[in-house]
Amino acid sequence: MDIGARVPVFSVTVLAIMLSHGDKRGKSWDRDPRLAAVQRLGPLAKGLSKLFGLGVAARLSAHASLAIPTIGADQAKVVSVGNLRVGGSGKTPVSLWLCEQLVAQGKRCGLCLRGYKGRLENGATVLHSDLSARDIGDEAVLAMRRLESKGVVIAVGSHRARAVREVERAGAQVIVVDDGFSHLRLQRDVDLVLVCPEDLDKHTALLPLGPLREPASALGRAHLVAGLTLDWAGRSDAPAVLFDVRPVGLVDTQWRLHDLEMLRGRKVFLSSGIARPERFEQTARIAGFDVVGHQVFADHFGPTPRSAAALVERAARSKAEAIVWTEKDLARLGPLGFPCFGLRIDMAPSQGTDLLYRVVFGA
C-alpha cells in the first residue's frame, strides 16, 4: 500500500463500515443521512472520529519519518488547490480561475482533476472532446467546456502524480491540481487551501462524525489559506485571501452562453447536485432570479427518469419559467422537456489579491 497517498488500513475500514462507497462527498454534511446513522451510535461515533484522527496523524508521521520520496513534474510548476473537508469548498471554480489567469499571463497551463465517478477515474488520462461525464465525471466535463478552447491541457485520474506527469508531457509549464492537498506523495510548489469557518471550529469533528478529512492543524503545511467571501462576510478572523463567487451568465443544454438578463426577475426553480447547495441558492438570488423552489440531489448524481419527471412537475406547479442548475450539473443532464439552464459563475479575489499573486504566480 502507498502510505503516502492513502489513509492507513484501519481508518479505511472504519469509513467503509460507516460510509457507503468509500468517497464521502454528498449533500452538505450536516444534512447527510449517513451522518444521522453515525450519530445514533452515541459515544462510539466520537471514538470512531478519534480513531480516524489517529490514522491521519500516523500517516503524516510515517510520511515525514520515513522520508518517503515525492513524485511530480520534472520542470513544470505545480499548484495544488485543496481543502480540509469532504467537498463544498470551491476548489474546482478556483482551479478554473487560476488556469484562466495563467493563460492570460501567456503560460502553457495544465489542470489535473480526479474525474470522480467517471470510467477513467482510476488512472491518468489526458482528455479530448469526445469524452462524456460517464467517462470523466461532471467536473472534468465542465473544465473542458471552460478551458479546452484556451489551450489548457486537462487530465483526470485518482493518481494525481501520474496525471501531473502526463500533463507535463503534453507541454504544460504550470499545472493546477484540483484537490491535491491530502496527496502527500504529490510534489507541489504551492499549496493553496480553501476553508470555511466550520472547518476551523474546534467542535467540528473528523470523519465519520464530521466533515473533516484533516484537522485545522494540517494548515501548517499550506503556503496560503483562502476562503469564499460569502462564508466569511463580517468576520474578523477571515483568511487573508478571499474569493467572490460571481454569477456571469446562463448556459443552455447545448453549452451556449446567454446573458443573465434572460431570467433576471423571473421565477426559476433550482436543482443541484453539489456538496453545498445553500451556496448555489445564495448565488442564484445574487443573480437576480426569483427562486420559487430548490430540488437537491446528492453530489455528482444526476436525476433518474422518475426524479426528473417529479422535478419538472414541481417546477411547473411553482409557475417557474425555467429550471436552473449549476453549470457542472449540465454534464449529467438528459432531456427534460422543460427549459433548463446552468448558472455560470466566475471567481475573483475580493481580498488579498497582492498576496495571492505573489504566492501563487510569483508576481
Protein backbone atom coordinates (compact mmCIF):
# COMPACT_ATOMS: atom_id res chain seq x y z
CA MET A 1 0.00 0.00 0.00
CA ASP A 2 1.20 3.54 -0.81
CA ILE A 3 1.38 5.01 2.68
CA GLY A 4 1.98 8.48 1.31
CA ALA A 5 -1.19 8.51 -0.75
CA ARG A 6 -3.73 6.59 1.33
CA VAL A 7 -5.14 6.53 4.83
CA PRO A 8 -3.96 3.52 6.91
CA VAL A 9 -5.96 0.33 6.53
CA PHE A 10 -7.80 0.50 9.85
CA SER A 11 -9.04 4.04 9.09
CA VAL A 12 -10.30 2.98 5.69
CA THR A 13 -12.06 0.06 7.32
CA VAL A 14 -13.83 2.36 9.77
CA LEU A 15 -15.03 4.59 6.95
CA ALA A 16 -16.05 1.70 4.75
CA ILE A 17 -18.31 0.45 7.52
CA MET A 18 -19.81 3.83 8.29
CA LEU A 19 -19.97 5.43 4.86
CA SER A 20 -21.17 3.94 1.63
CA HIS A 21 -18.98 3.88 -1.50
CA GLY A 22 -15.78 4.97 0.25
CA ASP A 23 -15.93 8.56 -1.06
CA LYS A 24 -17.78 10.76 1.36
CA ARG A 25 -18.87 13.61 -0.86
CA GLY A 26 -22.62 14.02 -0.80
CA LYS A 27 -25.04 16.61 0.43
CA SER A 28 -23.88 19.25 2.88
CA TRP A 29 -22.58 17.11 5.75
CA ASP A 30 -24.96 18.33 8.44
CA ARG A 31 -27.91 17.14 6.31
CA ASP A 32 -26.41 13.89 5.09
CA PRO A 33 -28.42 10.82 6.24
CA ARG A 34 -25.16 8.94 6.78
CA LEU A 35 -24.26 11.44 9.50
CA ALA A 36 -27.53 10.67 11.29
CA ALA A 37 -26.66 6.97 11.17
CA VAL A 38 -23.27 7.66 12.73
CA GLN A 39 -24.72 9.92 15.43
CA ARG A 40 -27.11 7.16 16.55
CA LEU A 41 -24.04 5.28 17.74
CA GLY A 42 -23.64 7.84 20.52
CA PRO A 43 -20.23 7.82 22.27
CA LEU A 44 -18.96 5.22 19.80
CA ALA A 45 -19.25 7.79 17.00
CA LYS A 46 -16.81 10.10 18.78
CA GLY A 47 -14.48 7.16 19.25
CA LEU A 48 -14.54 6.43 15.54
CA SER A 49 -13.62 10.03 14.74
CA LYS A 50 -10.76 9.87 17.24
CA LEU A 51 -9.61 6.63 15.65
CA PHE A 52 -9.69 8.26 12.24
CA GLY A 53 -7.67 11.18 13.62
CA LEU A 54 -5.04 8.77 14.92
CA GLY A 55 -4.86 7.23 11.47
CA VAL A 56 -4.36 10.63 9.84
CA ALA A 57 -1.65 11.52 12.36
CA ALA A 58 0.09 8.18 11.82
CA ARG A 59 0.04 8.68 8.07
CA LEU A 60 1.59 12.15 8.33
CA SER A 61 4.19 10.95 10.83
CA ALA A 62 5.13 7.96 8.68
CA HIS A 63 5.47 10.13 5.62
CA ALA A 64 7.81 12.50 7.45
CA SER A 65 9.87 9.99 9.44
CA LEU A 66 10.35 7.51 6.59
CA ALA A 67 11.32 10.28 4.18
CA ILE A 68 9.04 8.82 1.50
CA PRO A 69 10.01 10.42 -1.83
CA THR A 70 7.52 12.67 -3.54
CA ILE A 71 6.57 12.35 -7.19
CA GLY A 72 5.66 15.18 -9.52
CA ALA A 73 6.64 17.18 -12.53
CA ASP A 74 10.21 17.34 -13.80
CA GLN A 75 10.23 21.03 -14.72
CA ALA A 76 6.67 22.39 -14.53
CA LYS A 77 5.45 24.37 -11.55
CA VAL A 78 2.66 22.56 -9.64
CA VAL A 79 -0.04 24.48 -7.77
CA SER A 80 -2.41 22.43 -5.60
CA VAL A 81 -5.88 23.72 -4.68
CA GLY A 82 -7.20 21.76 -1.72
CA ASN A 83 -9.30 21.80 1.42
CA LEU A 84 -9.77 20.07 4.76
CA ARG A 85 -13.26 18.68 4.29
CA VAL A 86 -15.08 16.24 2.03
CA GLY A 87 -16.29 18.68 -0.61
CA GLY A 88 -18.03 22.01 -1.00
CA SER A 89 -15.12 24.43 -0.56
CA GLY A 90 -14.94 25.90 -4.06
CA LYS A 91 -11.83 24.02 -5.20
CA THR A 92 -12.89 23.46 -8.80
CA PRO A 93 -14.09 27.04 -9.53
CA VAL A 94 -10.88 28.42 -8.01
CA SER A 95 -8.82 25.94 -10.04
CA LEU A 96 -10.56 27.09 -13.24
CA TRP A 97 -9.89 30.73 -12.30
CA LEU A 98 -6.20 30.02 -11.72
CA CYS A 99 -5.93 28.34 -15.11
CA GLU A 100 -7.58 31.33 -16.80
CA GLN A 101 -5.16 33.71 -15.09
CA LEU A 102 -2.16 31.62 -16.14
CA VAL A 103 -3.36 31.57 -19.76
CA ALA A 104 -3.79 35.36 -19.61
CA GLN A 105 -0.14 35.57 -18.49
CA GLY A 106 0.92 33.62 -21.56
CA LYS A 107 1.65 30.39 -19.67
CA ARG A 108 1.07 26.94 -21.14
CA CYS A 109 -1.25 25.62 -18.44
CA GLY A 110 -2.42 22.18 -17.33
CA LEU A 111 -5.18 21.03 -14.99
CA CYS A 112 -5.49 17.71 -13.15
CA LEU A 113 -8.77 16.55 -11.63
CA ARG A 114 -9.89 13.28 -10.13
CA GLY A 115 -12.63 12.57 -12.66
CA TYR A 116 -14.93 11.43 -9.86
CA LYS A 117 -17.46 8.77 -10.86
CA GLY A 118 -16.07 8.60 -14.37
CA ARG A 119 -14.95 5.42 -16.13
CA LEU A 120 -11.39 6.78 -16.36
CA GLU A 121 -11.14 7.80 -12.71
CA ASN A 122 -8.66 5.08 -11.75
CA GLY A 123 -5.72 6.07 -13.89
CA ALA A 124 -4.20 9.15 -15.51
CA THR A 125 -5.70 10.22 -18.84
CA VAL A 126 -5.26 13.38 -20.89
CA LEU A 127 -8.70 14.43 -22.10
CA HIS A 128 -10.16 15.00 -25.54
CA SER A 129 -13.52 16.48 -26.51
CA ASP A 130 -15.26 13.18 -27.31
CA LEU A 131 -15.40 12.16 -23.65
CA SER A 132 -18.57 12.50 -21.54
CA ALA A 133 -19.40 12.68 -17.83
CA ARG A 134 -19.76 8.92 -17.87
CA ASP A 135 -16.09 8.72 -18.85
CA ILE A 136 -14.51 11.55 -16.86
CA GLY A 137 -17.07 12.89 -14.35
CA ASP A 138 -19.04 16.13 -14.36
CA GLU A 139 -16.27 18.42 -13.04
CA ALA A 140 -13.90 17.41 -15.82
CA VAL A 141 -16.59 18.00 -18.47
CA LEU A 142 -17.10 21.48 -17.04
CA ALA A 143 -13.34 22.08 -17.13
CA MET A 144 -13.16 21.01 -20.78
CA ARG A 145 -16.05 23.27 -21.75
CA ARG A 146 -14.46 26.24 -19.99
CA LEU A 147 -10.76 25.74 -20.75
CA GLU A 148 -10.14 23.49 -23.75
CA SER A 149 -10.52 26.32 -26.28
CA LYS A 150 -7.90 28.28 -24.32
CA GLY A 151 -5.29 25.60 -24.82
CA VAL A 152 -5.32 24.20 -21.29
CA VAL A 153 -4.22 20.54 -21.13
CA ILE A 154 -6.60 18.62 -18.84
CA ALA A 155 -6.15 15.17 -17.30
CA VAL A 156 -8.17 13.05 -14.90
CA GLY A 157 -7.09 10.31 -12.55
CA SER A 158 -7.08 9.40 -8.88
CA HIS A 159 -3.28 9.12 -9.04
CA ARG A 160 -2.51 12.84 -9.14
CA ALA A 161 1.25 12.47 -9.57
CA ARG A 162 0.87 10.35 -12.72
CA ALA A 163 -1.70 12.81 -14.06
CA VAL A 164 0.76 15.65 -13.47
CA ARG A 165 3.42 13.77 -15.43
CA GLU A 166 1.03 13.20 -18.33
CA VAL A 167 0.05 16.86 -18.46
CA GLU A 168 3.68 17.95 -18.35
CA ARG A 169 4.49 15.60 -21.21
CA ALA A 170 1.72 17.31 -23.17
CA GLY A 171 3.58 20.61 -22.80
CA ALA A 172 2.25 22.31 -19.65
CA GLN A 173 4.57 24.80 -17.92
CA VAL A 174 2.33 25.34 -14.88
CA ILE A 175 -0.04 22.64 -13.60
CA VAL A 176 -3.02 23.25 -11.32
CA VAL A 177 -4.11 20.22 -9.29
CA ASP A 178 -7.72 20.22 -8.09
CA ASP A 179 -7.93 18.57 -4.64
CA GLY A 180 -4.25 17.81 -4.18
CA PHE A 181 -3.69 18.80 -0.54
CA SER A 182 -4.10 15.34 1.01
CA HIS A 183 -1.98 13.63 -1.66
CA LEU A 184 1.26 13.66 0.31
CA ARG A 185 3.32 11.92 -2.35
CA LEU A 186 2.46 14.61 -4.89
CA GLN A 187 5.35 17.04 -5.18
CA ARG A 188 3.99 20.57 -5.42
CA ASP A 189 5.38 24.08 -5.35
CA VAL A 190 2.34 25.82 -3.88
CA ASP A 191 -0.42 24.52 -1.59
CA LEU A 192 -3.49 26.78 -1.65
CA VAL A 193 -6.10 25.56 0.85
CA LEU A 194 -9.72 26.76 0.98
CA VAL A 195 -11.52 26.80 4.32
CA CYS A 196 -14.85 27.91 5.78
CA PRO A 197 -15.47 28.93 9.42
CA GLU A 198 -16.82 25.49 10.32
CA ASP A 199 -13.51 23.89 9.29
CA LEU A 200 -11.64 25.91 11.94
CA ASP A 201 -14.20 25.46 14.71
CA LYS A 202 -12.74 23.27 17.45
CA HIS A 203 -16.09 21.46 17.74
CA THR A 204 -16.10 20.30 14.10
CA ALA A 205 -15.31 16.61 14.05
CA LEU A 206 -13.24 14.47 11.76
CA LEU A 207 -14.81 11.73 9.69
CA PRO A 208 -17.02 9.86 10.12
CA LEU A 209 -18.82 12.01 12.71
CA GLY A 210 -17.97 15.28 10.97
CA PRO A 211 -16.90 16.51 7.53
CA LEU A 212 -13.16 16.91 8.10
CA ARG A 213 -10.58 14.71 6.38
CA GLU A 214 -7.82 16.50 8.28
CA PRO A 215 -7.83 18.76 11.37
CA ALA A 216 -7.21 22.50 11.18
CA SER A 217 -3.63 21.92 12.36
CA ALA A 218 -2.92 20.49 8.88
CA LEU A 219 -2.99 24.07 7.57
CA GLY A 220 0.61 24.31 8.77
CA ARG A 221 1.52 22.53 5.50
CA ALA A 222 -0.23 25.18 3.38
CA HIS A 223 1.56 28.02 1.66
CA LEU A 224 -1.64 30.06 1.53
CA VAL A 225 -5.06 29.76 3.21
CA ALA A 226 -8.08 31.29 1.47
CA GLY A 227 -11.86 31.23 1.65
CA LEU A 228 -15.04 32.42 -0.03
CA THR A 229 -16.37 35.88 0.81
CA LEU A 230 -19.91 34.57 1.28
CA ASP A 231 -18.67 32.22 4.05
CA TRP A 232 -16.54 34.80 5.87
CA ALA A 233 -18.56 38.03 5.43
CA GLY A 234 -18.42 40.22 8.55
CA ARG A 235 -15.91 38.04 10.39
CA SER A 236 -12.67 39.44 11.78
CA ASP A 237 -10.94 36.03 11.65
CA ALA A 238 -11.27 35.59 7.88
CA PRO A 239 -8.28 34.31 5.88
CA ALA A 240 -6.05 36.91 4.25
CA VAL A 241 -7.30 35.90 0.80
CA LEU A 242 -10.99 35.76 -0.08
CA PHE A 243 -12.75 34.96 -3.35
CA ASP A 244 -16.06 36.36 -4.54
CA VAL A 245 -18.46 33.99 -6.30
CA ARG A 246 -19.92 35.96 -9.21
CA PRO A 247 -22.77 34.79 -11.44
CA VAL A 248 -21.86 35.78 -15.00
CA GLY A 249 -24.22 34.01 -17.39
CA LEU A 250 -26.58 31.18 -18.26
CA VAL A 251 -25.56 28.11 -20.24
CA ASP A 252 -28.16 26.10 -22.12
CA THR A 253 -28.08 22.33 -22.62
CA GLN A 254 -26.05 22.83 -25.82
CA TRP A 255 -23.46 24.77 -23.75
CA ARG A 256 -24.29 28.08 -25.42
CA LEU A 257 -23.82 31.12 -23.20
CA HIS A 258 -26.68 33.60 -22.57
CA ASP A 259 -26.97 36.80 -20.59
CA LEU A 260 -28.34 36.69 -17.02
CA GLU A 261 -30.99 39.20 -18.11
CA MET A 262 -32.84 36.32 -19.75
CA LEU A 263 -34.11 35.19 -16.33
CA ARG A 264 -33.45 38.15 -14.05
CA GLY A 265 -36.59 38.91 -12.02
CA ARG A 266 -38.32 35.78 -13.34
CA LYS A 267 -39.49 32.73 -11.43
CA VAL A 268 -36.98 29.88 -11.54
CA PHE A 269 -36.81 26.52 -9.87
CA LEU A 270 -33.33 25.47 -8.76
CA SER A 271 -31.90 21.99 -8.94
CA SER A 272 -28.39 20.99 -7.92
CA GLY A 273 -26.17 18.02 -7.17
CA ILE A 274 -23.35 19.69 -5.24
CA ALA A 275 -21.93 19.43 -1.73
CA ARG A 276 -23.14 22.84 -0.51
CA PRO A 277 -26.50 23.56 -2.23
CA GLU A 278 -27.24 26.52 0.05
CA ARG A 279 -24.39 28.40 -1.61
CA PHE A 280 -25.92 27.83 -5.03
CA GLU A 281 -29.21 29.28 -3.81
CA GLN A 282 -27.41 32.36 -2.49
CA THR A 283 -25.68 32.84 -5.82
CA ALA A 284 -28.92 32.44 -7.77
CA ARG A 285 -30.50 35.18 -5.68
CA ILE A 286 -27.46 37.40 -6.25
CA ALA A 287 -28.04 36.85 -9.98
CA GLY A 288 -31.49 38.40 -9.53
CA PHE A 289 -33.64 35.31 -10.00
CA ASP A 290 -36.98 34.86 -8.21
CA VAL A 291 -36.29 31.45 -6.65
CA VAL A 292 -39.53 29.52 -6.09
CA GLY A 293 -38.04 26.15 -5.10
CA HIS A 294 -34.92 24.03 -4.94
CA GLN A 295 -34.53 20.30 -5.54
CA VAL A 296 -31.28 18.93 -4.09
CA PHE A 297 -29.64 15.78 -5.40
CA ALA A 298 -26.54 14.08 -3.99
CA ASP A 299 -23.22 15.50 -5.15
CA HIS A 300 -22.21 14.27 -8.64
CA PHE A 301 -25.51 12.46 -9.17
CA GLY A 302 -27.94 13.50 -11.90
CA PRO A 303 -31.70 12.84 -11.73
CA THR A 304 -33.19 9.46 -12.59
CA PRO A 305 -36.07 9.45 -15.11
CA ARG A 306 -38.55 9.27 -12.23
CA SER A 307 -36.96 12.07 -10.19
CA ALA A 308 -36.61 14.18 -13.35
CA ALA A 309 -40.33 13.86 -14.03
CA ALA A 310 -41.10 14.82 -10.42
CA LEU A 311 -38.75 17.79 -10.71
CA VAL A 312 -40.47 19.09 -13.85
CA GLU A 313 -43.85 18.67 -12.16
CA ARG A 314 -42.71 20.67 -9.11
CA ALA A 315 -41.26 23.41 -11.30
CA ALA A 316 -44.47 23.66 -13.34
CA ARG A 317 -46.61 23.76 -10.19
CA SER A 318 -44.44 26.59 -8.89
CA LYS A 319 -45.06 28.51 -12.14
CA ALA A 320 -41.32 28.60 -12.79
CA GLU A 321 -40.26 29.69 -16.27
CA ALA A 322 -37.11 27.58 -16.16
CA ILE A 323 -35.13 25.11 -14.08
CA VAL A 324 -31.66 26.45 -13.24
CA TRP A 325 -28.83 24.07 -12.36
CA THR A 326 -25.19 24.57 -11.56
CA GLU A 327 -23.13 24.53 -14.75
CA LYS A 328 -21.44 21.34 -13.58
CA ASP A 329 -24.79 19.56 -13.36
CA LEU A 330 -25.46 20.09 -17.07
CA ALA A 331 -22.88 17.39 -17.81
CA ARG A 332 -25.18 14.70 -16.36
CA LEU A 333 -28.47 16.15 -17.57
CA GLY A 334 -30.64 14.44 -20.15
CA PRO A 335 -33.67 15.92 -21.97
CA LEU A 336 -36.35 17.06 -19.50
CA GLY A 337 -38.92 18.69 -21.76
CA PHE A 338 -38.68 21.92 -19.75
CA PRO A 339 -36.43 24.98 -20.21
CA CYS A 340 -33.14 24.27 -18.41
CA PHE A 341 -30.03 26.36 -17.91
CA GLY A 342 -26.81 26.12 -15.94
CA LEU A 343 -25.71 29.13 -13.91
CA ARG A 344 -22.16 30.05 -14.86
CA ILE A 345 -20.04 31.50 -12.08
CA ASP A 346 -16.60 33.07 -12.04
CA MET A 347 -14.28 33.51 -9.10
CA ALA A 348 -12.45 36.76 -8.39
CA PRO A 349 -10.29 37.68 -5.39
CA SER A 350 -12.01 40.27 -3.21
CA GLN A 351 -9.27 40.49 -0.59
CA GLY A 352 -5.56 39.74 -0.50
CA THR A 353 -5.02 39.92 -4.27
CA ASP A 354 -1.39 41.02 -3.99
CA LEU A 355 -0.58 38.19 -1.57
CA LEU A 356 -2.35 35.66 -3.79
CA TYR A 357 -0.45 36.72 -6.89
CA ARG A 358 2.86 36.78 -5.04
CA VAL A 359 2.49 33.30 -3.57
CA VAL A 360 0.76 31.50 -6.45
CA PHE A 361 2.07 33.31 -9.52
CA GLY A 362 5.34 34.61 -8.13
CA ALA A 363 4.33 38.15 -9.09
